[in-house]
Amino acid sequence: MNKKDNKKKRKSKKINRIVILMVLTILILLLNKRIGNSKTDKQLDNHNISITKIEKENKEKTIGWNLQLVNFENRLPENYNIPLENLDEYRSFDSRAIKYLKELLNDIRKDGIEDLWVQSSYRSIEEQKEVYNTKIQEYIRKGKSEEEAKKLTEEMINRPGYSEHSLGLAVDFNYVKENFETTSSYKWLKENAENYGFVLRYPKDKEKITKVNYEPWHWRYVGKEHAQKMNKFNLCLEEYIEFLNK
């Protein structure tokens, strides 16, 4: 082999080494990128899990005792603990919310309205059963069948165990009559009750959702922040809880 051939051979080997080095470099870069992506994906997964966990915890904190839903299809949970405090000799209310009800009653009187009073607040399931059955019998005496009587009763009074009154967060003001909406008390409540955490529980335009006829006398404690949001967006409690659960 002459000198020229040796030179070509050395040049060829050099080129081969360069090509091999380039290939190895590319392979290392690709491998590092894959490992990096894997770590990033894992970090993102962990991040998403953390966000989901936080959202869940925040939701659990948001939907607390003050937003407990009791209605025509949601029964009061078994052995549900309600800390009660006496409002007066005959009536009691959830002790965690009673101060806001007392403040409301005091402040409306300060504004010169003397005719607002609590007709009904907490009722045990047994007391609700008595109210419910009495109303059914009243309709039956008027000539309604038992089925008709139950249907008419449940447009105004929820079944025992399905009444907000057994939750200790609902209050009926004055006489349970629709003309309560014509009083100065009702007007004051519409303007101010949210500042004490209370909302009109069964509005006229939400009957298809609540399954209860319009009750201007029935108000429910949910907390100030929630009450203001519900009124701002015109949501009944069923709609509001659905919104929070999204």
Protein backbone atom coordinates (compact mmCIF):
# COMPACT_ATOMS: atom_id res chain seq x y z
CA MET A 1 0.00 0.00 0.00
CA ASN A 2 1.47 3.36 -1.01
CA LYS A 3 1.48 6.59 0.96
CA LYS A 4 -1.54 7.92 -0.89
CA ASP A 5 -3.66 4.90 0.00
CA ASN A 6 -2.65 5.15 3.67
CA LYS A 7 -3.70 8.76 3.73
CA LYS A 8 -7.12 7.88 2.26
CA LYS A 9 -7.56 5.10 4.79
CA ARG A 10 -6.74 7.38 7.73
CA LYS A 11 -9.10 9.99 6.38
CA SER A 12 -11.88 7.41 6.04
CA LYS A 13 -11.38 6.21 9.62
CA LYS A 14 -11.49 9.79 10.85
CA ILE A 15 -14.76 10.40 9.03
CA ASN A 16 -16.21 7.21 10.47
CA ARG A 17 -15.25 8.26 14.00
CA ILE A 18 -16.86 11.66 13.47
CA VAL A 19 -20.05 10.03 12.18
CA ILE A 20 -20.13 7.62 15.13
CA LEU A 21 -19.59 10.49 17.58
CA MET A 22 -22.40 12.47 15.93
CA VAL A 23 -24.76 9.50 16.10
CA LEU A 24 -23.86 8.87 19.75
CA THR A 25 -24.37 12.57 20.55
CA ILE A 26 -27.79 12.55 18.91
CA LEU A 27 -28.76 9.36 20.76
CA ILE A 28 -27.66 10.85 24.10
CA LEU A 29 -29.61 14.05 23.40
CA LEU A 30 -32.73 12.07 22.48
CA LEU A 31 -32.39 9.90 25.58
CA ASN A 32 -31.97 12.94 27.85
CA LYS A 33 -34.98 14.59 26.25
CA ARG A 34 -37.08 11.48 26.79
CA ILE A 35 -36.01 11.28 30.43
CA GLY A 36 -36.69 14.98 30.82
CA ASN A 37 -40.16 14.67 29.29
CA SER A 38 -40.89 11.72 31.53
CA LYS A 39 -39.95 13.78 34.58
CA THR A 40 -41.99 16.71 33.32
CA ASP A 41 -45.02 14.49 32.69
CA LYS A 42 -44.66 13.05 36.18
CA GLN A 43 -44.36 16.54 37.64
CA LEU A 44 -47.45 17.64 35.71
CA ASP A 45 -49.37 14.59 36.90
CA ASN A 46 -48.38 15.34 40.49
CA HIS A 47 -49.29 18.99 39.95
CA ASN A 48 -52.71 18.07 38.57
CA ILE A 49 -53.30 15.68 41.46
CA SER A 50 -52.41 18.47 43.88
CA ILE A 51 -54.79 20.89 42.16
CA THR A 52 -57.60 18.32 42.18
CA LYS A 53 -56.97 17.63 45.87
CA ILE A 54 -57.02 21.35 46.71
CA GLU A 55 -60.20 21.89 44.68
CA LYS A 56 -61.85 18.96 46.46
CA GLU A 57 -60.80 20.24 49.87
CA ASN A 58 -62.00 23.75 49.03
CA LYS A 59 -65.32 22.37 47.81
CA GLU A 60 -65.76 20.37 50.99
CA LYS A 61 -65.05 23.51 52.99
CA THR A 62 -67.44 25.54 50.81
CA ILE A 63 -70.39 23.15 51.04
CA GLY A 64 -70.59 22.95 54.81
CA TRP A 65 -73.31 22.68 57.43
CA ASN A 66 -74.86 26.01 56.41
CA LEU A 67 -75.49 24.70 52.86
CA GLN A 68 -76.85 21.29 53.84
CA LEU A 69 -79.59 20.52 51.31
CA VAL A 70 -82.81 19.08 52.66
CA ASN A 71 -85.69 19.03 50.20
CA PHE A 72 -88.25 16.81 48.45
CA GLU A 73 -85.57 14.29 47.40
CA ASN A 74 -82.81 14.85 49.96
CA ARG A 75 -83.59 13.52 53.42
CA LEU A 76 -81.99 14.81 56.59
CA PRO A 77 -79.01 12.47 57.16
CA GLU A 78 -79.47 9.79 59.81
CA ASN A 79 -78.23 10.82 63.25
CA TYR A 80 -77.47 14.32 61.93
CA ASN A 81 -76.18 16.38 64.84
CA ILE A 82 -77.80 19.83 65.14
CA PRO A 83 -76.49 22.06 67.94
CA LEU A 84 -79.62 23.93 69.02
CA GLU A 85 -80.07 27.06 71.10
CA ASN A 86 -83.30 28.55 72.36
CA LEU A 87 -84.56 31.62 70.57
CA ASP A 88 -87.33 32.05 73.11
CA GLU A 89 -89.47 29.84 75.35
CA TYR A 90 -90.98 27.92 72.42
CA ARG A 91 -88.54 28.13 69.54
CA SER A 92 -84.96 27.10 68.86
CA PHE A 93 -82.45 27.50 66.05
CA ASP A 94 -79.02 26.19 65.06
CA SER A 95 -76.64 27.67 67.64
CA ARG A 96 -74.04 28.41 64.92
CA ALA A 97 -76.47 30.74 63.16
CA ILE A 98 -78.81 32.00 65.88
CA LYS A 99 -76.82 35.18 66.53
CA TYR A 100 -77.44 36.28 62.93
CA LEU A 101 -81.17 35.69 63.31
CA LYS A 102 -81.18 37.70 66.55
CA GLU A 103 -79.23 40.52 64.88
CA LEU A 104 -81.73 40.57 62.02
CA LEU A 105 -84.66 40.80 64.43
CA ASN A 106 -82.98 43.53 66.47
CA ASP A 107 -81.95 45.61 63.45
CA ILE A 108 -85.35 45.53 61.77
CA ARG A 109 -86.85 46.94 64.96
CA LYS A 110 -84.16 49.64 65.02
CA ASP A 111 -85.37 50.59 61.54
CA GLY A 112 -88.85 51.15 62.95
CA ILE A 113 -90.54 47.91 61.84
CA GLU A 114 -92.19 46.25 64.83
CA ASP A 115 -94.40 43.63 63.19
CA LEU A 116 -91.83 40.93 62.31
CA TRP A 117 -91.77 37.87 64.53
CA VAL A 118 -90.76 34.21 64.32
CA GLN A 119 -93.74 31.92 63.89
CA SER A 120 -91.79 28.70 63.42
CA SER A 121 -88.16 27.64 63.37
CA TYR A 122 -86.69 24.24 64.32
CA ARG A 123 -89.05 21.26 64.27
CA SER A 124 -88.15 17.72 65.14
CA ILE A 125 -89.10 15.02 62.65
CA GLU A 126 -91.93 14.01 65.00
CA GLU A 127 -93.26 17.57 65.08
CA GLN A 128 -92.99 17.76 61.29
CA LYS A 129 -94.96 14.51 61.04
CA GLU A 130 -97.74 16.04 63.11
CA VAL A 131 -97.87 19.19 60.96
CA TYR A 132 -97.79 17.10 57.79
CA ASN A 133 -100.56 14.69 58.85
CA THR A 134 -102.75 17.51 60.18
CA LYS A 135 -102.65 19.25 56.80
CA ILE A 136 -103.50 16.02 54.98
CA GLN A 137 -106.52 15.49 57.22
CA GLU A 138 -107.61 19.08 56.62
CA TYR A 139 -107.72 18.46 52.86
CA ILE A 140 -109.50 15.13 53.31
CA ARG A 141 -112.21 16.89 55.36
CA LYS A 142 -112.62 19.24 52.40
CA GLY A 143 -113.46 16.26 50.19
CA LYS A 144 -110.06 15.44 48.71
CA SER A 145 -108.89 11.84 48.33
CA GLU A 146 -105.89 10.78 50.39
CA GLU A 147 -103.69 10.88 47.28
CA GLU A 148 -104.90 14.37 46.38
CA ALA A 149 -104.50 15.50 49.98
CA LYS A 150 -100.88 14.32 50.09
CA LYS A 151 -100.07 16.01 46.80
CA LEU A 152 -101.59 19.32 47.91
CA THR A 153 -99.91 19.10 51.31
CA GLU A 154 -96.47 18.52 49.80
CA GLU A 155 -96.81 21.68 47.74
CA MET A 156 -96.56 23.53 51.05
CA ILE A 157 -95.20 21.10 53.64
CA ASN A 158 -92.37 18.66 53.07
CA ARG A 159 -92.57 15.08 54.28
CA PRO A 160 -91.16 14.28 57.72
CA GLY A 161 -87.38 14.04 57.41
CA TYR A 162 -87.42 16.13 54.23
CA SER A 163 -88.19 19.49 55.85
CA GLU A 164 -85.67 22.28 56.32
CA HIS A 165 -87.28 23.03 59.67
CA SER A 166 -85.77 19.78 60.96
CA LEU A 167 -82.37 21.13 59.89
CA GLY A 168 -82.62 24.04 62.33
CA LEU A 169 -81.71 26.67 59.72
CA ALA A 170 -85.16 27.65 58.45
CA VAL A 171 -87.52 30.22 59.88
CA ASP A 172 -91.13 31.12 59.09
CA PHE A 173 -92.00 34.74 59.82
CA ASN A 174 -95.42 35.93 60.98
CA TYR A 175 -98.48 34.11 59.65
CA VAL A 176 -97.87 31.63 56.85
CA LYS A 177 -99.87 33.58 54.31
CA GLU A 178 -98.89 34.84 50.89
CA ASN A 179 -99.98 38.38 51.71
CA PHE A 180 -96.86 38.61 53.89
CA GLU A 181 -95.17 39.84 50.70
CA THR A 182 -97.21 43.07 50.96
CA THR A 183 -95.80 43.97 54.39
CA SER A 184 -93.01 46.36 55.25
CA SER A 185 -91.29 43.44 56.99
CA TYR A 186 -91.07 41.47 53.75
CA LYS A 187 -89.76 44.48 51.85
CA TRP A 188 -87.07 44.97 54.50
CA LEU A 189 -86.10 41.29 54.35
CA LYS A 190 -85.78 41.39 50.56
CA GLU A 191 -83.42 44.34 50.86
CA ASN A 192 -81.44 43.35 53.94
CA ALA A 193 -81.74 39.64 54.87
CA GLU A 194 -78.71 38.64 52.79
CA ASN A 195 -76.50 40.78 55.04
CA TYR A 196 -77.37 38.41 57.90
CA GLY A 197 -76.94 35.29 55.77
CA PHE A 198 -80.62 34.61 55.00
CA VAL A 199 -82.31 33.99 51.64
CA LEU A 200 -85.89 33.56 50.52
CA ARG A 201 -85.91 29.79 50.25
CA TYR A 202 -88.90 29.22 47.95
CA PRO A 203 -89.11 32.07 45.41
CA LYS A 204 -92.04 32.44 43.06
CA ASP A 205 -89.96 31.87 39.91
CA LYS A 206 -88.25 28.70 41.21
CA GLU A 207 -91.26 26.51 42.02
CA LYS A 208 -90.43 23.98 39.28
CA ILE A 209 -87.00 23.47 40.84
CA THR A 210 -87.81 23.54 44.56
CA LYS A 211 -91.12 21.63 44.08
CA VAL A 212 -92.59 23.92 46.75
CA ASN A 213 -95.08 26.72 46.17
CA TYR A 214 -93.93 30.29 46.68
CA GLU A 215 -93.51 31.00 50.40
CA PRO A 216 -92.64 34.65 51.15
CA TRP A 217 -92.55 33.86 54.87
CA HIS A 218 -89.95 31.03 54.70
CA TRP A 219 -86.31 32.12 54.96
CA ARG A 220 -83.17 30.02 55.20
CA TYR A 221 -79.76 30.71 56.71
CA VAL A 222 -76.87 29.95 54.31
CA GLY A 223 -74.26 32.49 55.40
CA LYS A 224 -73.69 36.07 54.24
CA GLU A 225 -71.30 35.35 51.35
CA HIS A 226 -73.51 32.62 49.89
CA ALA A 227 -76.71 34.63 50.38
CA GLN A 228 -75.29 37.59 48.48
CA LYS A 229 -74.10 35.39 45.60
CA MET A 230 -77.43 33.56 45.39
CA ASN A 231 -79.32 36.84 45.16
CA LYS A 232 -76.85 38.37 42.72
CA PHE A 233 -77.24 35.51 40.27
CA ASN A 234 -80.90 34.74 41.11
CA LEU A 235 -80.22 31.17 42.24
CA CYS A 236 -82.28 29.06 44.61
CA LEU A 237 -80.39 26.71 46.93
CA GLU A 238 -80.71 23.70 44.60
CA GLU A 239 -79.22 25.69 41.71
CA TYR A 240 -76.49 27.19 43.86
CA ILE A 241 -75.29 23.84 45.18
CA GLU A 242 -75.31 22.44 41.64
CA PHE A 243 -73.16 25.43 40.61
CA LEU A 244 -70.69 24.78 43.45
CA ASN A 245 -70.45 21.10 42.52
CA LYS A 246 -69.34 21.80 38.94
